[in-house]
Protein backbone atom coordinates (compact mmCIF):
# COMPACT_ATOMS: atom_id res chain seq x y z
CA UNK A 1 118.47 146.44 168.69
CA UNK A 2 120.35 144.17 171.07
CA UNK A 3 123.89 143.81 169.70
CA UNK A 4 123.82 140.05 170.24
CA UNK A 5 121.02 139.44 167.71
CA UNK A 6 122.42 137.81 164.57
CA UNK A 7 120.90 136.94 161.23
CA UNK A 8 120.85 133.26 162.25
CA UNK A 9 118.47 134.16 165.11
CA UNK A 10 116.12 135.94 162.71
CA UNK A 11 116.15 133.17 160.08
CA UNK A 12 115.54 130.50 162.72
CA UNK A 13 112.62 132.48 164.14
CA UNK A 14 111.02 133.03 160.71
CA UNK A 15 111.35 129.35 159.78
CA UNK A 16 109.81 128.22 163.07
CA UNK A 17 106.99 130.75 162.65
CA UNK A 18 106.22 129.31 159.22
CA UNK A 19 106.44 125.62 160.20
CA UNK A 20 105.08 125.86 163.74
CA UNK A 21 107.61 123.28 164.86
CA UNK A 22 111.21 123.33 166.05
CA UNK A 23 111.64 119.67 165.11
CA UNK A 24 110.72 120.05 161.43
CA UNK A 25 112.88 123.18 161.03
CA UNK A 26 115.85 121.48 162.71
CA UNK A 27 115.53 118.53 160.33
CA UNK A 28 115.33 120.83 157.30
CA UNK A 29 118.37 122.83 158.41
CA UNK A 30 120.42 119.80 159.39
CA UNK A 31 120.89 120.91 163.02
CA UNK A 32 119.85 119.32 166.28
CA UNK A 33 116.58 120.27 167.93
CA UNK A 34 118.30 121.38 171.19
CA UNK A 35 120.62 123.68 169.21
CA UNK A 36 117.72 125.31 167.39
CA UNK A 37 115.75 125.62 170.64
CA UNK A 38 118.72 127.41 172.21
CA UNK A 39 118.86 129.82 169.27
CA UNK A 40 115.18 130.66 169.74
CA UNK A 41 115.61 131.01 173.51
CA UNK A 42 118.53 133.39 172.96
CA UNK A 43 116.43 135.58 170.68
CA UNK A 44 113.52 135.71 173.12
CA UNK A 45 115.92 136.58 175.96
CA UNK A 46 117.50 139.41 173.97
CA UNK A 47 114.11 140.78 172.93
CA UNK A 48 112.75 140.23 176.46
CA UNK A 49 109.38 138.98 175.15
CA UNK A 50 107.91 135.52 174.46
CA UNK A 51 107.57 135.02 170.70
CA UNK A 52 105.64 131.73 170.76
CA UNK A 53 103.15 129.86 172.89
CA UNK A 54 102.60 126.12 172.67
CA UNK A 55 99.23 124.76 171.52
CA UNK A 56 99.37 120.98 171.55
CA UNK A 57 102.34 120.02 169.40
CA UNK A 58 102.52 123.33 167.56
CA UNK A 59 104.22 126.60 168.34
CA UNK A 60 101.91 129.55 167.71
CA UNK A 61 103.05 133.16 167.52
CA UNK A 62 102.18 135.45 170.41
CA UNK A 63 100.96 138.95 169.65
CA UNK A 64 104.52 140.22 170.10
CA UNK A 65 105.81 137.39 167.93
CA UNK A 66 103.44 138.23 165.08
CA UNK A 67 104.52 141.87 165.22
CA UNK A 68 108.19 140.92 165.23
CA UNK A 69 107.65 138.48 162.34
CA UNK A 70 106.20 141.24 160.16
CA UNK A 71 109.19 143.52 160.57
CA UNK A 72 111.80 140.74 160.61
CA UNK A 73 110.51 139.30 157.32
CA UNK A 74 110.72 142.69 155.61
CA UNK A 75 114.21 143.18 157.04
CA UNK A 76 115.52 139.87 155.70
CA UNK A 77 114.02 140.59 152.29
CA UNK A 78 115.78 143.98 152.29
CA UNK A 79 119.12 142.38 153.19
CA UNK A 80 118.74 139.82 150.41
CA UNK A 81 117.85 142.52 147.88
CA UNK A 82 120.88 144.53 148.97
CA UNK A 83 123.18 141.54 148.58
CA UNK A 84 121.74 140.81 145.15
CA UNK A 85 122.29 144.39 144.05
CA UNK A 86 125.96 144.24 145.06
CA UNK A 87 126.47 141.00 143.14
CA UNK A 88 125.03 142.55 140.00
CA UNK A 89 122.81 140.75 137.54
CA UNK A 90 120.34 139.96 140.32
CA UNK A 91 116.79 139.11 139.37
CA UNK A 92 113.59 140.68 140.58
CA UNK A 93 111.10 138.33 142.22
CA UNK A 94 107.34 138.15 142.36
CA UNK A 95 105.98 136.17 145.28
CA UNK A 96 102.55 134.67 144.60
CA UNK A 97 100.51 132.74 147.16
CA UNK A 98 98.19 130.17 145.61
CA UNK A 99 95.27 128.23 147.06
CA UNK A 100 94.50 124.76 145.62
CA UNK A 101 91.46 125.93 143.65
CA UNK A 102 93.67 127.80 141.14
CA UNK A 103 96.89 125.80 141.34
CA UNK A 104 96.17 123.22 138.66
CA UNK A 105 95.00 125.32 135.71
CA UNK A 106 95.07 129.07 136.13
CA UNK A 107 98.45 129.55 137.78
CA UNK A 108 100.54 127.64 135.18
CA UNK A 109 98.95 129.80 132.46
CA UNK A 110 99.62 132.99 134.42
CA UNK A 111 103.20 131.98 135.19
CA UNK A 112 104.04 131.17 131.56
CA UNK A 113 102.67 134.50 130.36
CA UNK A 114 104.51 136.37 133.10
CA UNK A 115 107.73 134.74 131.94
CA UNK A 116 107.19 136.35 128.54
CA UNK A 117 106.15 139.74 129.95
CA UNK A 118 108.85 139.85 132.66
CA UNK A 119 111.75 137.69 131.40
CA UNK A 120 114.17 138.94 134.08
CA UNK A 121 111.80 138.24 136.98
CA UNK A 122 111.65 135.02 138.98
CA UNK A 123 108.05 133.94 139.63
CA UNK A 124 108.02 132.37 143.09
CA UNK A 125 104.81 130.43 143.76
CA UNK A 126 103.90 129.37 147.30
CA UNK A 127 101.02 126.99 147.98
CA UNK A 128 99.48 126.28 151.33
CA UNK A 129 96.37 126.47 153.50
CA UNK A 130 94.37 129.67 153.63
CA UNK A 131 95.46 130.85 157.12
CA UNK A 132 99.13 130.35 156.24
CA UNK A 133 98.85 132.41 153.04
CA UNK A 134 96.89 135.19 154.76
CA UNK A 135 99.67 135.45 157.36
CA UNK A 136 102.32 135.43 154.62
CA UNK A 137 100.46 138.20 152.77
CA UNK A 138 100.28 140.37 155.86
CA UNK A 139 103.95 139.99 156.74
CA UNK A 140 105.13 140.63 153.19
CA UNK A 141 106.38 137.11 152.41
CA UNK A 142 104.07 137.04 149.39
CA UNK A 143 102.91 139.95 147.22
CA UNK A 144 99.50 138.66 146.11
CA UNK A 145 97.25 135.75 147.09
CA UNK A 146 95.08 134.09 144.43
CA UNK A 147 92.17 131.95 145.53
CA UNK A 148 88.89 132.07 147.43
CA UNK A 149 87.75 135.34 148.95
CA UNK A 150 88.82 135.67 152.62
CA UNK A 151 86.18 136.03 155.30
CA UNK A 152 85.05 139.50 156.35
CA UNK A 153 86.95 139.24 159.65
CA UNK A 154 90.21 138.69 157.73
CA UNK A 155 89.89 141.66 155.37
CA UNK A 156 91.30 144.43 157.59
CA UNK A 157 94.06 146.20 155.63
CA UNK A 158 93.51 143.87 152.66
CA UNK A 159 91.69 144.32 149.35
CA UNK A 160 90.00 141.67 147.21
CA UNK A 161 89.37 141.79 143.45
CA UNK A 162 86.71 139.36 142.25
CA UNK A 163 87.65 137.39 139.13
CA UNK A 164 85.04 134.65 138.83
CA UNK A 165 82.74 132.37 140.82
CA UNK A 166 83.49 128.71 141.35
CA UNK A 167 81.42 125.85 142.74
CA UNK A 168 82.34 123.49 145.50
CA UNK A 169 81.49 120.03 144.21
CA UNK A 170 81.03 116.56 145.64
CA UNK A 171 83.08 114.04 143.69
CA UNK A 172 83.55 110.29 143.65
CA UNK A 173 85.50 107.80 141.57
CA UNK A 174 84.16 106.79 138.19
CA UNK A 175 82.02 103.68 138.58
CA UNK A 176 81.08 104.48 142.18
CA UNK A 177 78.21 102.14 143.09
CA UNK A 178 76.12 104.97 144.63
CA UNK A 179 76.77 107.69 142.06
CA UNK A 180 73.09 107.86 141.02
CA UNK A 181 71.64 107.52 144.54
CA UNK A 182 70.16 110.42 146.51
CA UNK A 183 72.68 112.19 148.73
CA UNK A 184 70.64 111.27 151.78
CA UNK A 185 71.50 107.63 151.00
CA UNK A 186 75.11 108.24 149.99
CA UNK A 187 76.55 110.44 152.74
CA UNK A 188 75.87 108.16 155.76
CA UNK A 189 77.19 105.07 153.95
CA UNK A 190 80.60 106.09 152.61
CA UNK A 191 83.78 107.72 153.99
CA UNK A 192 83.48 111.49 153.76
CA UNK A 193 86.40 113.74 152.82
CA UNK A 194 85.99 117.37 153.90
CA UNK A 195 88.16 120.48 153.66
CA UNK A 196 90.03 121.09 156.94
CA UNK A 197 88.48 123.45 159.47
CA UNK A 198 90.95 126.18 158.49
CA UNK A 199 90.04 125.98 154.79
CA UNK A 200 88.05 128.93 153.49
CA UNK A 201 85.45 126.61 151.86
CA UNK A 202 84.76 124.55 154.98
CA UNK A 203 82.04 126.84 156.31
CA UNK A 204 80.05 126.61 153.07
CA UNK A 205 80.28 122.82 153.17
CA UNK A 206 79.20 122.74 156.82
CA UNK A 207 76.21 124.96 156.02
CA UNK A 208 75.24 122.72 153.12
CA UNK A 209 75.45 119.55 155.20
CA UNK A 210 73.37 121.21 157.92
CA UNK A 211 70.71 122.12 155.34
CA UNK A 212 70.42 118.42 154.51
CA UNK A 213 70.14 117.43 158.15
CA UNK A 214 73.71 116.12 158.32
CA UNK A 215 75.16 118.83 160.55
CA UNK A 216 76.64 116.24 162.91
CA UNK A 217 78.10 114.00 160.20
CA UNK A 218 81.82 113.49 160.84
CA UNK A 219 84.56 113.36 158.24
CA UNK A 220 86.77 110.33 157.75
CA UNK A 221 89.49 112.50 156.18
CA UNK A 222 90.19 116.22 155.87
CA UNK A 223 92.21 117.70 152.99
CA UNK A 224 92.16 120.12 150.08
CA UNK A 225 95.39 118.70 148.64
CA UNK A 226 94.84 117.09 145.23
CA UNK A 227 97.41 114.25 145.57
CA UNK A 228 95.92 113.16 148.90
CA UNK A 229 92.24 113.60 148.05
CA UNK A 230 92.65 112.07 144.61
CA UNK A 231 94.35 108.99 146.02
CA UNK A 232 91.66 108.48 148.65
CA UNK A 233 88.75 108.94 146.24
CA UNK A 234 90.16 106.80 143.43
CA UNK A 235 91.15 104.05 145.84
CA UNK A 236 87.87 103.74 147.73
CA UNK A 237 84.18 104.60 147.82
CA UNK A 238 84.92 107.88 149.63
CA UNK A 239 83.31 111.11 148.40
CA UNK A 240 85.04 114.50 148.60
CA UNK A 241 83.75 118.07 148.90
CA UNK A 242 86.30 120.23 147.05
CA UNK A 243 86.50 123.27 144.77
CA UNK A 244 85.85 122.23 141.19
CA UNK A 245 89.07 123.79 139.91
CA UNK A 246 91.14 121.38 142.00
CA UNK A 247 89.78 118.29 140.24
CA UNK A 248 88.79 119.64 136.82
CA UNK A 249 91.43 117.57 135.03
CA UNK A 250 90.25 114.39 136.78
CA UNK A 251 86.67 115.13 135.71
CA UNK A 252 87.67 115.67 132.08
CA UNK A 253 89.71 112.44 132.09
CA UNK A 254 86.59 110.66 133.44
CA UNK A 255 88.51 109.46 136.50
CA UNK A 256 86.06 111.21 138.80
CA UNK A 257 82.37 111.99 138.57
CA UNK A 258 80.26 114.63 140.27
CA UNK A 259 77.35 113.84 142.52
CA UNK A 260 74.36 116.15 142.31
CA UNK A 261 74.32 118.96 144.89
CA UNK A 262 72.55 122.28 145.40
CA UNK A 263 74.99 124.93 144.19
CA UNK A 264 73.08 127.75 145.94
CA UNK A 265 75.07 126.80 149.03
CA UNK A 266 78.28 125.83 147.27
CA UNK A 267 79.43 128.70 145.09
CA UNK A 268 81.96 131.33 146.04
CA UNK A 269 84.15 134.13 144.74
CA UNK A 270 87.70 133.54 143.51
CA UNK A 271 90.06 136.46 143.05
CA UNK A 272 93.17 138.41 144.00
CA UNK A 273 93.88 139.49 147.57
CA UNK A 274 96.65 141.94 148.39
CA UNK A 275 97.63 144.43 151.04
CA UNK A 276 95.82 147.76 150.97
CA UNK A 277 97.69 151.04 150.64
CA UNK A 278 100.65 149.28 149.06
CA UNK A 279 103.03 151.39 146.98
CA UNK A 280 102.62 150.73 143.21
CA UNK A 281 104.91 147.99 141.90
CA UNK A 282 105.24 147.27 138.19
CA UNK A 283 105.75 143.54 138.64
CA UNK A 284 102.67 143.17 140.81
CA UNK A 285 100.57 145.22 138.40
CA UNK A 286 101.71 143.06 135.47
CA UNK A 287 100.87 139.96 137.50
CA UNK A 288 97.38 141.23 138.26
CA UNK A 289 96.65 142.27 134.66
CA UNK A 290 97.98 138.95 133.34
CA UNK A 291 95.71 137.06 135.72
CA UNK A 292 92.71 139.13 134.62
CA UNK A 293 93.51 138.42 130.96
CA UNK A 294 93.79 134.68 131.59
CA UNK A 295 90.39 134.64 133.30
CA UNK A 296 88.78 136.64 130.48
CA UNK A 297 90.14 134.07 128.00
CA UNK A 298 88.70 131.24 130.07
CA UNK A 299 92.06 129.67 130.89
CA UNK A 300 90.94 128.94 134.47
CA UNK A 301 88.35 126.42 133.32
């Protein structure tokens, strides 16, 4: 390794890879954007490869950058574990990546039970869009991802354990004036909220809309985030395609209602995704078994 590479270069690179932006990382770290850009440029010069390419306003990893991220992330984790071991009394950590469909109900139940089963382990929960969590799983930033089943093209070197099936639903605010109208009348007349293109459920929604003859219908908003989608739906006549688990509490509180759809198109597998051929780890195995137990007891509903 080039003797000029310091830990600050590696941390800056990993943060930029996660955020896709020098500006946001500089703001979070309290440094100037030019200073952070120089740090990245120094690292690329010492490695003699470009680590990012620019796509619009975002920085996207090159093939070399993705490879370097994988090894650099594992290296930083090893350094942190070593430092913790020297301090004594350090805590083990479980890193769990969570998609919105399981964040509201299942994960709090799993986390509380893990606290009892592994009292000396910190349960670190990361939420985010599907592509971000898949990348984090591959580079070792998270141990397990819980949510919708990845697409077949994403499953190389990964394994998926099915836990249950969940519907994608179309919801509106309680008292919506078109709640009892046919979808053919509703969809062209109100703002439509769809999952973003990168969301794993977007394809199923697109297929469903195409089956109704609305393949060219454009969204007014795109999100799978509950705070955003909830605010839009409750504050307007917008309707939102979203996994039922995200809004289950709002349905039970009668804040939102479901519009009738054909669930043959809108049901999908939810489960645990992890790296294949991974060495056995007690914490991860306890996490997986605890999640299975919570699903068997119906705590995801």
